[in-house]
C-alpha atoms as a PDB file:
ATOM      1  CA  MET A   1      14.741  75.436 -18.477  1.00  0.00           C
ATOM      2  CA  LEU A   2      11.047  74.793 -19.054  1.00  0.00           C
ATOM      3  CA  THR A   3       9.498  71.341 -19.224  1.00  0.00           C
ATOM      4  CA  ALA A   4       5.998  70.832 -20.572  1.00  0.00           C
ATOM      5  CA  THR A   5       4.104  67.667 -19.789  1.00  0.00           C
ATOM      6  CA  GLY A   6       0.905  66.594 -21.424  1.00  0.00           C
ATOM      7  CA  SER A   7      -1.604  64.598 -19.441  1.00  0.00           C
ATOM      8  CA  GLY A   8      -5.059  63.151 -19.751  1.00  0.00           C
ATOM      9  CA  PHE A   9      -4.426  61.009 -22.800  1.00  0.00           C
ATOM     10  CA  ASP A  10      -5.034  57.867 -20.775  1.00  0.00           C
ATOM     11  CA  GLN A  11      -8.663  59.078 -20.362  1.00  0.00           C
ATOM     12  CA  ILE A  12      -9.265  59.213 -24.143  1.00  0.00           C
ATOM     13  CA  PRO A  13     -10.655  55.985 -25.610  1.00  0.00           C
ATOM     14  CA  LEU A  14      -7.880  53.793 -27.055  1.00  0.00           C
ATOM     15  CA  ALA A  15      -9.385  53.954 -30.541  1.00  0.00           C
ATOM     16  CA  ARG A  16      -8.967  57.786 -30.591  1.00  0.00           C
ATOM     17  CA  ARG A  17      -5.825  58.163 -28.430  1.00  0.00           C
ATOM     18  CA  ALA A  18      -3.152  58.053 -31.149  1.00  0.00           C
ATOM     19  CA  LYS A  19      -4.989  60.574 -33.290  1.00  0.00           C
ATOM     20  CA  ALA A  20      -5.527  62.880 -30.353  1.00  0.00           C
ATOM     21  CA  PHE A  21      -1.875  62.664 -29.331  1.00  0.00           C
ATOM     22  CA  THR A  22      -0.699  63.444 -32.881  1.00  0.00           C
ATOM     23  CA  ALA A  23      -3.127  66.372 -33.183  1.00  0.00           C
ATOM     24  CA  ASN A  24      -1.948  67.798 -29.887  1.00  0.00           C
ATOM     25  CA  GLU A  25       1.754  67.416 -30.617  1.00  0.00           C
ATOM     26  CA  GLY A  26       1.961  70.293 -33.091  1.00  0.00           C
ATOM     27  CA  GLY A  27       0.273  72.655 -30.621  1.00  0.00           C
ATOM     28  CA  TRP A  28       3.002  72.183 -28.039  1.00  0.00           C
ATOM     29  CA  GLY A  29       5.672  73.208 -30.480  1.00  0.00           C
ATOM     30  CA  LYS A  30       3.829  76.365 -31.345  1.00  0.00           C
ATOM     31  CA  MET A  31       3.179  77.097 -27.648  1.00  0.00           C
ATOM     32  CA  MET A  32       6.842  76.702 -26.795  1.00  0.00           C
ATOM     33  CA  LYS A  33       7.857  79.151 -29.535  1.00  0.00           C
ATOM     34  CA  LEU A  34       5.356  81.676 -28.211  1.00  0.00           C
ATOM     35  CA  ILE A  35       6.674  81.286 -24.645  1.00  0.00           C
ATOM     36  CA  GLU A  36      10.252  81.726 -25.885  1.00  0.00           C
ATOM     37  CA  LYS A  37       9.259  84.864 -27.809  1.00  0.00           C
ATOM     38  CA  TYR A  38       7.506  86.260 -24.760  1.00  0.00           C
ATOM     39  CA  LEU A  39      10.517  85.591 -22.450  1.00  0.00           C
ATOM     40  CA  VAL A  40      12.980  87.166 -24.922  1.00  0.00           C
ATOM     41  CA  HIS A  41      10.950  90.360 -24.964  1.00  0.00           C
ATOM     42  CA  ALA A  42      10.035  90.359 -21.264  1.00  0.00           C
ATOM     43  CA  LEU A  43      13.573  90.018 -20.000  1.00  0.00           C
END
């Protein structure tokens, strides 16, 4: 099992925080798929 945790959002100004969080959310999904693909082929 792999758990990814984002951090640092509390350092983004409140006015930009929601937009930054939403923009970053899609990246994690893509990254997890790439990690899964790598592990399937590496093992």
